[in-house]
Amino acid sequence: MSQSNSVRSGVIFAIFAYTIWGIAPLYFKALAAVPPIEILVHRVVWSVVLLTFLIVGLRHLGKVKTAMKNKRVLITLMVASTLLACNWFLYIWAVNNDYILEASLGYYINPLINVFLGRLFLGETLRMTQKVAVGIAVLGVLIMIFNFGYLPWIALTLAVSFSIYGLLRKQVSVDSLPGLFIETLFLLPAAIIYWIFFATQASNLSTNDTSLNVLLLLAGVVTTAPLLCFTAAARRIRYSTLGFFQYIGPSLMFILAVTLYNEPLSTGRLVTFCFVWTALALFTFDSFKHYRKEKKEKKLAALRPE
């Protein structure tokens, strides 16, 4: 595959990944009759089933075995799996309790939290524009707290938990697919125990109608499909370029919340969104500017004689 075709396919994969994440509320709303904890149970169980086929089919079993022999990797993935489960559960709960707007705010804030954690734990240097962007986003949240008396805890919890999850995954040298497989394996025993002893009739596949069972079985696909597309995109295009597509997801969630599910866009929420959008505009501009600068420097370096 030529480089231009590889980049083009990478862009397509990125759009697919973030679009699936963006329209996921449609799927979870269709399961509104099922308690959120049970949706999480099915998400874990059917993800393990699907990932098992993928691990075997793509011949990643060796990578899984290697990772499971490393105690540090296992402990890190265990903590990561707990964060991931909390993030999944809160997201499902938020969607099915009409907090899609706040969930979308969380995923808008996520890249800014990533930058902050990179500075805090990885020693990454923040450029001045990035500092300003993070400051504007923080100011928007503080205005909501002090002027409107409301802490956007759903948004902050989703953003922080997913950012810390990403930070932990960055610390272990395990590919995305084997890593996710091991993480869901850690969650599988608890999911099965809950399903057997505590689940409601909604999780009884033998008595449910076919449409509900199909939706429950699709939980594995909804979980793994966007991740596979994301991984495929990351292999084909620059990570900085991939970042430009990350706002597709929360933007689609925002549109669904306001237009389809009629969630109230209060003044407090709108003010905070405007601050976060401004911060993201600065952040994106800075990333694009830095990317162009790096690209130019590499071209000049290539032209210099040895």
C-alpha atoms as a PDB file:
ATOM      1  CA  MET A   1       0.000   0.000   0.000  1.00  0.00           C
ATOM      2  CA  SER A   2       1.398   3.428  -0.981  1.00  0.00           C
ATOM      3  CA  GLN A   3       1.915   6.072   1.682  1.00  0.00           C
ATOM      4  CA  SER A   4      -0.926   8.259   0.329  1.00  0.00           C
ATOM      5  CA  ASN A   5      -3.343   5.311   0.325  1.00  0.00           C
ATOM      6  CA  SER A   6      -2.217   4.365   3.825  1.00  0.00           C
ATOM      7  CA  VAL A   7      -2.868   7.888   5.108  1.00  0.00           C
ATOM      8  CA  ARG A   8      -6.246   7.991   3.344  1.00  0.00           C
ATOM      9  CA  SER A   9      -7.325   4.697   4.897  1.00  0.00           C
ATOM     10  CA  GLY A  10      -6.026   5.903   8.263  1.00  0.00           C
ATOM     11  CA  VAL A  11      -8.240   8.974   8.054  1.00  0.00           C
ATOM     12  CA  ILE A  12     -11.246   6.781   7.175  1.00  0.00           C
ATOM     13  CA  PHE A  13     -10.544   4.477  10.129  1.00  0.00           C
ATOM     14  CA  ALA A  14     -10.250   7.499  12.455  1.00  0.00           C
ATOM     15  CA  ILE A  15     -13.584   8.909  11.263  1.00  0.00           C
ATOM     16  CA  PHE A  16     -15.246   5.518  11.749  1.00  0.00           C
ATOM     17  CA  ALA A  17     -13.818   5.151  15.278  1.00  0.00           C
ATOM     18  CA  TYR A  18     -14.889   8.552  16.560  1.00  0.00           C
ATOM     19  CA  THR A  19     -18.243   8.398  14.751  1.00  0.00           C
ATOM     20  CA  ILE A  20     -19.095   5.078  16.437  1.00  0.00           C
ATOM     21  CA  TRP A  21     -18.136   6.542  19.820  1.00  0.00           C
ATOM     22  CA  GLY A  22     -20.222   9.624  19.026  1.00  0.00           C
ATOM     23  CA  ILE A  23     -23.417   7.771  18.119  1.00  0.00           C
ATOM     24  CA  ALA A  24     -23.047   5.134  20.875  1.00  0.00           C
ATOM     25  CA  PRO A  25     -25.807   6.871  22.928  1.00  0.00           C
ATOM     26  CA  LEU A  26     -28.309   5.612  20.328  1.00  0.00           C
ATOM     27  CA  TYR A  27     -27.311   2.045  21.214  1.00  0.00           C
ATOM     28  CA  PHE A  28     -27.372   2.520  24.985  1.00  0.00           C
ATOM     29  CA  LYS A  29     -30.699   4.385  24.833  1.00  0.00           C
ATOM     30  CA  ALA A  30     -32.139   1.339  23.043  1.00  0.00           C
ATOM     31  CA  LEU A  31     -31.158  -0.669  26.150  1.00  0.00           C
ATOM     32  CA  ALA A  32     -32.739   1.798  28.587  1.00  0.00           C
ATOM     33  CA  ALA A  33     -34.946  -0.986  30.042  1.00  0.00           C
ATOM     34  CA  VAL A  34     -31.819  -2.861  31.187  1.00  0.00           C
ATOM     35  CA  PRO A  35     -30.102  -1.578  34.377  1.00  0.00           C
ATOM     36  CA  PRO A  36     -26.742   0.121  33.614  1.00  0.00           C
ATOM     37  CA  ILE A  37     -24.780  -2.365  35.736  1.00  0.00           C
ATOM     38  CA  GLU A  38     -26.216  -5.229  33.666  1.00  0.00           C
ATOM     39  CA  ILE A  39     -25.362  -3.492  30.398  1.00  0.00           C
ATOM     40  CA  LEU A  40     -21.809  -3.265  31.759  1.00  0.00           C
ATOM     41  CA  VAL A  41     -21.904  -6.996  32.568  1.00  0.00           C
ATOM     42  CA  HIS A  42     -22.893  -7.837  28.993  1.00  0.00           C
ATOM     43  CA  ARG A  43     -20.322  -5.401  27.665  1.00  0.00           C
ATOM     44  CA  VAL A  44     -17.600  -7.264  29.559  1.00  0.00           C
ATOM     45  CA  VAL A  45     -18.802 -10.802  28.771  1.00  0.00           C
ATOM     46  CA  TRP A  46     -19.377 -10.352  25.040  1.00  0.00           C
ATOM     47  CA  SER A  47     -16.219  -8.261  24.658  1.00  0.00           C
ATOM     48  CA  VAL A  48     -14.220 -11.181  26.078  1.00  0.00           C
ATOM     49  CA  VAL A  49     -15.924 -13.572  23.636  1.00  0.00           C
ATOM     50  CA  LEU A  50     -15.247 -11.331  20.634  1.00  0.00           C
ATOM     51  CA  LEU A  51     -11.714 -10.463  21.733  1.00  0.00           C
ATOM     52  CA  THR A  52     -10.893 -14.153  22.193  1.00  0.00           C
ATOM     53  CA  PHE A  53     -11.727 -14.793  18.527  1.00  0.00           C
ATOM     54  CA  LEU A  54      -9.710 -11.731  17.477  1.00  0.00           C
ATOM     55  CA  ILE A  55      -6.697 -12.658  19.628  1.00  0.00           C
ATOM     56  CA  VAL A  56      -6.635 -16.178  18.169  1.00  0.00           C
ATOM     57  CA  GLY A  57      -7.457 -15.101  14.609  1.00  0.00           C
ATOM     58  CA  LEU A  58      -4.876 -12.319  14.514  1.00  0.00           C
ATOM     59  CA  ARG A  59      -2.301 -14.501  16.286  1.00  0.00           C
ATOM     60  CA  HIS A  60      -1.804 -12.247  19.301  1.00  0.00           C
ATOM     61  CA  LEU A  61      -1.851 -15.100  21.815  1.00  0.00           C
ATOM     62  CA  GLY A  62       1.929 -14.883  22.233  1.00  0.00           C
ATOM     63  CA  LYS A  63       1.665 -11.192  23.174  1.00  0.00           C
ATOM     64  CA  VAL A  64      -1.013 -12.012  25.733  1.00  0.00           C
ATOM     65  CA  LYS A  65       1.154 -14.736  27.312  1.00  0.00           C
ATOM     66  CA  THR A  66       4.185 -12.448  27.422  1.00  0.00           C
ATOM     67  CA  ALA A  67       2.199  -9.679  29.112  1.00  0.00           C
ATOM     68  CA  MET A  68       0.691 -12.051  31.676  1.00  0.00           C
ATOM     69  CA  LYS A  69       4.160 -13.225  32.750  1.00  0.00           C
ATOM     70  CA  ASN A  70       5.120  -9.676  33.738  1.00  0.00           C
ATOM     71  CA  LYS A  71       3.905  -8.834  37.264  1.00  0.00           C
ATOM     72  CA  ARG A  72       4.247  -5.061  36.800  1.00  0.00           C
ATOM     73  CA  VAL A  73       2.261  -5.179  33.567  1.00  0.00           C
ATOM     74  CA  LEU A  74      -0.478  -7.281  35.189  1.00  0.00           C
ATOM     75  CA  ILE A  75      -0.840  -4.923  38.175  1.00  0.00           C
ATOM     76  CA  THR A  76      -0.972  -1.890  35.881  1.00  0.00           C
ATOM     77  CA  LEU A  77      -3.586  -3.516  33.637  1.00  0.00           C
ATOM     78  CA  MET A  78      -5.620  -4.548  36.682  1.00  0.00           C
ATOM     79  CA  VAL A  79      -5.786  -0.944  37.889  1.00  0.00           C
ATOM     80  CA  ALA A  80      -6.508   0.197  34.329  1.00  0.00           C
ATOM     81  CA  SER A  81      -9.344  -2.318  34.006  1.00  0.00           C
ATOM     82  CA  THR A  82     -10.965  -0.962  37.189  1.00  0.00           C
ATOM     83  CA  LEU A  83     -10.808   2.585  35.834  1.00  0.00           C
ATOM     84  CA  LEU A  84     -12.179   1.399  32.497  1.00  0.00           C
ATOM     85  CA  ALA A  85     -15.107  -0.389  34.167  1.00  0.00           C
ATOM     86  CA  CYS A  86     -15.944   2.731  36.207  1.00  0.00           C
ATOM     87  CA  ASN A  87     -15.741   4.863  33.064  1.00  0.00           C
ATOM     88  CA  TRP A  88     -17.963   2.466  31.087  1.00  0.00           C
ATOM     89  CA  PHE A  89     -20.540   2.240  33.872  1.00  0.00           C
ATOM     90  CA  LEU A  90     -20.751   5.999  34.450  1.00  0.00           C
ATOM     91  CA  TYR A  91     -21.044   6.640  30.709  1.00  0.00           C
ATOM     92  CA  ILE A  92     -23.889   4.111  30.354  1.00  0.00           C
ATOM     93  CA  TRP A  93     -25.619   5.524  33.446  1.00  0.00           C
ATOM     94  CA  ALA A  94     -25.236   9.099  32.172  1.00  0.00           C
ATOM     95  CA  VAL A  95     -26.681   8.286  28.740  1.00  0.00           C
ATOM     96  CA  ASN A  96     -29.685   6.430  30.149  1.00  0.00           C
ATOM     97  CA  ASN A  97     -30.376   9.122  32.762  1.00  0.00           C
ATOM     98  CA  ASP A  98     -30.351  12.031  30.276  1.00  0.00           C
ATOM     99  CA  TYR A  99     -26.877  13.360  30.978  1.00  0.00           C
ATOM    100  CA  ILE A 100     -25.502  12.987  27.436  1.00  0.00           C
ATOM    101  CA  LEU A 101     -24.588  16.688  27.345  1.00  0.00           C
ATOM    102  CA  GLU A 102     -22.452  16.340  30.435  1.00  0.00           C
ATOM    103  CA  ALA A 103     -20.876  13.148  29.081  1.00  0.00           C
ATOM    104  CA  SER A 104     -19.970  14.998  25.876  1.00  0.00           C
ATOM    105  CA  LEU A 105     -18.429  17.786  27.969  1.00  0.00           C
ATOM    106  CA  GLY A 106     -16.267  15.156  29.650  1.00  0.00           C
ATOM    107  CA  TYR A 107     -14.887  13.898  26.356  1.00  0.00           C
ATOM    108  CA  TYR A 108     -14.285  17.476  25.183  1.00  0.00           C
ATOM    109  CA  ILE A 109     -12.233  18.087  28.340  1.00  0.00           C
ATOM    110  CA  ASN A 110     -10.380  14.757  28.025  1.00  0.00           C
ATOM    111  CA  PRO A 111      -7.554  15.908  25.667  1.00  0.00           C
ATOM    112  CA  LEU A 112      -6.848  18.891  27.926  1.00  0.00           C
ATOM    113  CA  ILE A 113      -6.645  16.594  30.963  1.00  0.00           C
ATOM    114  CA  ASN A 114      -4.271  14.402  28.949  1.00  0.00           C
ATOM    115  CA  VAL A 115      -1.951  17.352  28.391  1.00  0.00           C
ATOM    116  CA  PHE A 116      -2.072  18.278  32.084  1.00  0.00           C
ATOM    117  CA  LEU A 117      -1.323  14.710  33.238  1.00  0.00           C
ATOM    118  CA  GLY A 118       1.491  14.471  30.693  1.00  0.00           C
ATOM    119  CA  ARG A 119       3.069  17.508  32.315  1.00  0.00           C
ATOM    120  CA  LEU A 120       2.439  16.240  35.838  1.00  0.00           C
ATOM    121  CA  PHE A 121       3.575  12.624  35.518  1.00  0.00           C
ATOM    122  CA  LEU A 122       5.621  12.324  32.311  1.00  0.00           C
ATOM    123  CA  GLY A 123       7.569  15.563  32.544  1.00  0.00           C
ATOM    124  CA  GLU A 124       6.236  16.757  29.188  1.00  0.00           C
ATOM    125  CA  THR A 125       6.708  20.466  28.604  1.00  0.00           C
ATOM    126  CA  LEU A 126       3.558  22.529  28.067  1.00  0.00           C
ATOM    127  CA  ARG A 127       3.796  25.219  25.421  1.00  0.00           C
ATOM    128  CA  MET A 128       2.355  28.599  26.393  1.00  0.00           C
ATOM    129  CA  THR A 129      -0.742  28.170  24.218  1.00  0.00           C
ATOM    130  CA  GLN A 130      -1.411  24.791  25.825  1.00  0.00           C
ATOM    131  CA  LYS A 131      -1.165  26.356  29.286  1.00  0.00           C
ATOM    132  CA  VAL A 132      -3.641  29.046  28.257  1.00  0.00           C
ATOM    133  CA  ALA A 133      -5.999  26.418  26.791  1.00  0.00           C
ATOM    134  CA  VAL A 134      -5.984  24.353  30.006  1.00  0.00           C
ATOM    135  CA  GLY A 135      -6.494  27.520  32.060  1.00  0.00           C
ATOM    136  CA  ILE A 136      -9.515  28.582  29.988  1.00  0.00           C
ATOM    137  CA  ALA A 137     -11.125  25.147  30.366  1.00  0.00           C
ATOM    138  CA  VAL A 138     -10.556  25.215  34.149  1.00  0.00           C
ATOM    139  CA  LEU A 139     -12.025  28.722  34.298  1.00  0.00           C
ATOM    140  CA  GLY A 140     -15.152  27.527  32.478  1.00  0.00           C
ATOM    141  CA  VAL A 141     -15.689  24.744  35.023  1.00  0.00           C
ATOM    142  CA  LEU A 142     -15.060  27.128  37.952  1.00  0.00           C
ATOM    143  CA  ILE A 143     -17.624  29.597  36.577  1.00  0.00           C
ATOM    144  CA  MET A 144     -20.215  26.790  36.520  1.00  0.00           C
ATOM    145  CA  ILE A 145     -19.370  25.880  40.121  1.00  0.00           C
ATOM    146  CA  PHE A 146     -19.352  29.365  41.636  1.00  0.00           C
ATOM    147  CA  ASN A 147     -21.976  31.193  39.537  1.00  0.00           C
ATOM    148  CA  PHE A 148     -24.457  28.366  39.055  1.00  0.00           C
ATOM    149  CA  GLY A 149     -23.704  26.199  42.094  1.00  0.00           C
ATOM    150  CA  TYR A 150     -23.215  23.052  40.075  1.00  0.00           C
ATOM    151  CA  LEU A 151     -20.150  20.811  39.799  1.00  0.00           C
ATOM    152  CA  PRO A 152     -20.115  18.904  36.467  1.00  0.00           C
ATOM    153  CA  TRP A 153     -19.012  15.752  38.283  1.00  0.00           C
ATOM    154  CA  ILE A 154     -20.070  13.364  35.518  1.00  0.00           C
ATOM    155  CA  ALA A 155     -17.973  15.212  32.929  1.00  0.00           C
ATOM    156  CA  LEU A 156     -14.983  15.527  35.243  1.00  0.00           C
ATOM    157  CA  THR A 157     -15.129  11.890  36.374  1.00  0.00           C
ATOM    158  CA  LEU A 158     -15.375  10.610  32.792  1.00  0.00           C
ATOM    159  CA  ALA A 159     -12.528  12.853  31.641  1.00  0.00           C
ATOM    160  CA  VAL A 160     -10.194  12.157  34.574  1.00  0.00           C
ATOM    161  CA  SER A 161     -10.832   8.389  34.709  1.00  0.00           C
ATOM    162  CA  PHE A 162     -10.228   7.957  30.973  1.00  0.00           C
ATOM    163  CA  SER A 163      -7.149  10.183  31.060  1.00  0.00           C
ATOM    164  CA  ILE A 164      -5.619   8.232  33.955  1.00  0.00           C
ATOM    165  CA  TYR A 165      -6.517   5.006  32.137  1.00  0.00           C
ATOM    166  CA  GLY A 166      -4.667   6.277  29.062  1.00  0.00           C
ATOM    167  CA  LEU A 167      -1.715   7.322  31.204  1.00  0.00           C
ATOM    168  CA  LEU A 168      -1.477   3.842  32.738  1.00  0.00           C
ATOM    169  CA  ARG A 169      -1.745   2.150  29.336  1.00  0.00           C
ATOM    170  CA  LYS A 170       1.058   4.392  28.126  1.00  0.00           C
ATOM    171  CA  GLN A 171       3.293   2.970  30.871  1.00  0.00           C
ATOM    172  CA  VAL A 172       3.078  -0.654  29.704  1.00  0.00           C
ATOM    173  CA  SER A 173       4.436  -2.021  26.451  1.00  0.00           C
ATOM    174  CA  VAL A 174       1.341  -4.024  25.482  1.00  0.00           C
ATOM    175  CA  ASP A 175      -0.507  -3.568  22.202  1.00  0.00           C
ATOM    176  CA  SER A 176      -4.055  -2.238  22.289  1.00  0.00           C
ATOM    177  CA  LEU A 177      -5.852  -5.501  21.493  1.00  0.00           C
ATOM    178  CA  PRO A 178      -3.964  -7.856  23.877  1.00  0.00           C
ATOM    179  CA  GLY A 179      -4.121  -5.154  26.557  1.00  0.00           C
ATOM    180  CA  LEU A 180      -7.894  -4.742  26.261  1.00  0.00           C
ATOM    181  CA  PHE A 181      -8.300  -8.534  26.287  1.00  0.00           C
ATOM    182  CA  ILE A 182      -6.383  -8.866  29.570  1.00  0.00           C
ATOM    183  CA  GLU A 183      -8.275  -5.919  31.095  1.00  0.00           C
ATOM    184  CA  THR A 184     -11.658  -7.431  30.274  1.00  0.00           C
ATOM    185  CA  LEU A 185     -10.467 -10.825  31.548  1.00  0.00           C
ATOM    186  CA  PHE A 186      -9.870  -9.210  34.941  1.00  0.00           C
ATOM    187  CA  LEU A 187     -13.484  -7.965  34.919  1.00  0.00           C
ATOM    188  CA  LEU A 188     -14.987 -11.241  33.670  1.00  0.00           C
ATOM    189  CA  PRO A 189     -15.279 -13.141  37.023  1.00  0.00           C
ATOM    190  CA  ALA A 190     -17.177 -10.271  38.689  1.00  0.00           C
ATOM    191  CA  ALA A 191     -19.390  -9.897  35.609  1.00  0.00           C
ATOM    192  CA  ILE A 192     -20.306 -13.596  35.557  1.00  0.00           C
ATOM    193  CA  ILE A 193     -20.999 -13.668  39.324  1.00  0.00           C
ATOM    194  CA  TYR A 194     -23.275 -10.639  39.020  1.00  0.00           C
ATOM    195  CA  TRP A 195     -25.062 -12.120  36.008  1.00  0.00           C
ATOM    196  CA  ILE A 196     -25.720 -15.448  37.767  1.00  0.00           C
ATOM    197  CA  PHE A 197     -26.710 -14.220  41.237  1.00  0.00           C
ATOM    198  CA  PHE A 198     -27.924 -10.613  40.986  1.00  0.00           C
ATOM    199  CA  ALA A 199     -29.114  -9.837  37.454  1.00  0.00           C
ATOM    200  CA  THR A 200     -32.763  -9.032  36.753  1.00  0.00           C
ATOM    201  CA  GLN A 201     -34.993 -10.783  34.246  1.00  0.00           C
ATOM    202  CA  ALA A 202     -33.771  -8.325  31.587  1.00  0.00           C
ATOM    203  CA  SER A 203     -30.507 -10.293  31.380  1.00  0.00           C
ATOM    204  CA  ASN A 204     -32.177 -13.677  30.960  1.00  0.00           C
ATOM    205  CA  LEU A 205     -31.402 -14.523  27.329  1.00  0.00           C
ATOM    206  CA  SER A 206     -33.707 -17.534  27.388  1.00  0.00           C
ATOM    207  CA  THR A 207     -36.831 -15.442  28.073  1.00  0.00           C
ATOM    208  CA  ASN A 208     -36.001 -12.161  26.319  1.00  0.00           C
ATOM    209  CA  ASP A 209     -37.318 -11.348  22.871  1.00  0.00           C
ATOM    210  CA  THR A 210     -34.882 -11.694  19.999  1.00  0.00           C
ATOM    211  CA  SER A 211     -34.385  -7.945  19.464  1.00  0.00           C
ATOM    212  CA  LEU A 212     -33.265  -7.375  23.069  1.00  0.00           C
ATOM    213  CA  ASN A 213     -30.916 -10.373  22.968  1.00  0.00           C
ATOM    214  CA  VAL A 214     -29.351  -9.092  19.736  1.00  0.00           C
ATOM    215  CA  LEU A 215     -28.780  -5.693  21.341  1.00  0.00           C
ATOM    216  CA  LEU A 216     -27.145  -7.301  24.385  1.00  0.00           C
ATOM    217  CA  LEU A 217     -24.908  -9.499  22.229  1.00  0.00           C
ATOM    218  CA  LEU A 218     -23.855  -6.431  20.215  1.00  0.00           C
ATOM    219  CA  ALA A 219     -22.289  -4.963  23.374  1.00  0.00           C
ATOM    220  CA  GLY A 220     -19.005  -6.650  22.451  1.00  0.00           C
ATOM    221  CA  VAL A 221     -19.009  -5.159  18.962  1.00  0.00           C
ATOM    222  CA  VAL A 222     -19.896  -1.665  20.223  1.00  0.00           C
ATOM    223  CA  THR A 223     -16.939  -1.906  22.612  1.00  0.00           C
ATOM    224  CA  THR A 224     -14.260  -3.378  20.332  1.00  0.00           C
ATOM    225  CA  ALA A 225     -15.121  -2.091  16.827  1.00  0.00           C
ATOM    226  CA  PRO A 226     -14.207   1.585  17.452  1.00  0.00           C
ATOM    227  CA  LEU A 227     -11.054   0.525  19.298  1.00  0.00           C
ATOM    228  CA  LEU A 228      -9.935  -1.609  16.348  1.00  0.00           C
ATOM    229  CA  CYS A 229     -10.621   1.283  13.961  1.00  0.00           C
ATOM    230  CA  PHE A 230      -8.716   3.631  16.266  1.00  0.00           C
ATOM    231  CA  THR A 231      -5.744   1.252  16.403  1.00  0.00           C
ATOM    232  CA  ALA A 232      -5.758   0.876  12.616  1.00  0.00           C
ATOM    233  CA  ALA A 233      -5.840   4.660  12.226  1.00  0.00           C
ATOM    234  CA  ALA A 234      -2.998   5.185  14.711  1.00  0.00           C
ATOM    235  CA  ARG A 235      -0.795   2.850  12.670  1.00  0.00           C
ATOM    236  CA  ARG A 236      -1.392   4.747   9.437  1.00  0.00           C
ATOM    237  CA  ILE A 237      -1.389   8.429  10.371  1.00  0.00           C
ATOM    238  CA  ARG A 238       0.536  10.627  12.800  1.00  0.00           C
ATOM    239  CA  TYR A 239      -0.819  10.701  16.343  1.00  0.00           C
ATOM    240  CA  SER A 240      -1.003  14.501  16.180  1.00  0.00           C
ATOM    241  CA  THR A 241      -3.128  14.209  13.035  1.00  0.00           C
ATOM    242  CA  LEU A 242      -5.336  11.629  14.735  1.00  0.00           C
ATOM    243  CA  GLY A 243      -5.988  14.147  17.489  1.00  0.00           C
ATOM    244  CA  PHE A 244      -7.823  16.436  15.076  1.00  0.00           C
ATOM    245  CA  PHE A 245     -10.571  13.823  14.727  1.00  0.00           C
ATOM    246  CA  GLN A 246     -11.151  13.276  18.447  1.00  0.00           C
ATOM    247  CA  TYR A 247     -13.800  16.004  18.659  1.00  0.00           C
ATOM    248  CA  ILE A 248     -16.130  14.118  16.290  1.00  0.00           C
ATOM    249  CA  GLY A 249     -17.318  11.889  19.159  1.00  0.00           C
ATOM    250  CA  PRO A 250     -18.360  14.521  21.732  1.00  0.00           C
ATOM    251  CA  SER A 251     -19.731  16.778  18.973  1.00  0.00           C
ATOM    252  CA  LEU A 252     -22.087  14.027  17.772  1.00  0.00           C
ATOM    253  CA  MET A 253     -23.075  13.347  21.389  1.00  0.00           C
ATOM    254  CA  PHE A 254     -23.799  17.052  21.879  1.00  0.00           C
ATOM    255  CA  ILE A 255     -25.981  17.162  18.747  1.00  0.00           C
ATOM    256  CA  LEU A 256     -27.892  14.013  19.773  1.00  0.00           C
ATOM    257  CA  ALA A 257     -28.479  15.361  23.292  1.00  0.00           C
ATOM    258  CA  VAL A 258     -29.858  18.721  22.119  1.00  0.00           C
ATOM    259  CA  THR A 259     -31.774  17.726  18.983  1.00  0.00           C
ATOM    260  CA  LEU A 260     -32.947  14.131  19.511  1.00  0.00           C
ATOM    261  CA  TYR A 261     -33.208  13.753  23.290  1.00  0.00           C
ATOM    262  CA  ASN A 262     -34.083  17.388  24.107  1.00  0.00           C
ATOM    263  CA  GLU A 263     -31.720  17.715  27.043  1.00  0.00           C
ATOM    264  CA  PRO A 264     -31.881  21.262  28.456  1.00  0.00           C
ATOM    265  CA  LEU A 265     -28.893  23.401  27.475  1.00  0.00           C
ATOM    266  CA  SER A 266     -28.914  25.717  30.480  1.00  0.00           C
ATOM    267  CA  THR A 267     -26.978  28.977  30.630  1.00  0.00           C
ATOM    268  CA  GLY A 268     -24.473  27.431  33.029  1.00  0.00           C
ATOM    269  CA  ARG A 269     -23.774  24.503  30.742  1.00  0.00           C
ATOM    270  CA  LEU A 270     -23.558  26.727  27.651  1.00  0.00           C
ATOM    271  CA  VAL A 271     -21.060  29.066  29.329  1.00  0.00           C
ATOM    272  CA  THR A 272     -18.864  26.126  30.299  1.00  0.00           C
ATOM    273  CA  PHE A 273     -19.121  24.591  26.820  1.00  0.00           C
ATOM    274  CA  CYS A 274     -18.096  27.935  25.259  1.00  0.00           C
ATOM    275  CA  PHE A 275     -15.017  28.138  27.471  1.00  0.00           C
ATOM    276  CA  VAL A 276     -14.079  24.528  26.698  1.00  0.00           C
ATOM    277  CA  TRP A 277     -14.652  25.024  22.945  1.00  0.00           C
ATOM    278  CA  THR A 278     -12.418  28.112  23.056  1.00  0.00           C
ATOM    279  CA  ALA A 279      -9.754  26.126  24.892  1.00  0.00           C
ATOM    280  CA  LEU A 280      -9.966  23.301  22.346  1.00  0.00           C
ATOM    281  CA  ALA A 281      -9.725  25.751  19.439  1.00  0.00           C
ATOM    282  CA  LEU A 282      -6.496  27.125  20.923  1.00  0.00           C
ATOM    283  CA  PHE A 283      -5.245  23.618  21.670  1.00  0.00           C
ATOM    284  CA  THR A 284      -5.951  22.433  18.113  1.00  0.00           C
ATOM    285  CA  PHE A 285      -4.391  25.544  16.572  1.00  0.00           C
ATOM    286  CA  ASP A 286      -1.260  25.058  18.682  1.00  0.00           C
ATOM    287  CA  SER A 287      -1.050  21.344  17.786  1.00  0.00           C
ATOM    288  CA  PHE A 288      -1.410  22.093  14.070  1.00  0.00           C
ATOM    289  CA  LYS A 289       1.178  24.881  14.248  1.00  0.00           C
ATOM    290  CA  HIS A 290       3.640  22.622  16.088  1.00  0.00           C
ATOM    291  CA  TYR A 291       3.007  19.798  13.599  1.00  0.00           C
ATOM    292  CA  ARG A 292       3.753  22.102  10.641  1.00  0.00           C
ATOM    293  CA  LYS A 293       6.910  23.349  12.349  1.00  0.00           C
ATOM    294  CA  GLU A 294       8.148  19.794  13.002  1.00  0.00           C
ATOM    295  CA  LYS A 295       7.389  18.789   9.419  1.00  0.00           C
ATOM    296  CA  LYS A 296       9.310  21.782   8.055  1.00  0.00           C
ATOM    297  CA  GLU A 297      12.304  21.065  10.294  1.00  0.00           C
ATOM    298  CA  LYS A 298      12.409  17.432   9.153  1.00  0.00           C
ATOM    299  CA  LYS A 299      12.363  18.499   5.489  1.00  0.00           C
ATOM    300  CA  LEU A 300      15.205  20.949   6.073  1.00  0.00           C
ATOM    301  CA  ALA A 301      17.190  18.304   7.959  1.00  0.00           C
ATOM    302  CA  ALA A 302      16.723  15.875   5.057  1.00  0.00           C
ATOM    303  CA  LEU A 303      18.071  18.455   2.590  1.00  0.00           C
ATOM    304  CA  ARG A 304      21.226  19.175   4.581  1.00  0.00           C
ATOM    305  CA  PRO A 305      24.381  17.405   3.377  1.00  0.00           C
ATOM    306  CA  GLU A 306      25.883  14.758   5.675  1.00  0.00           C
END
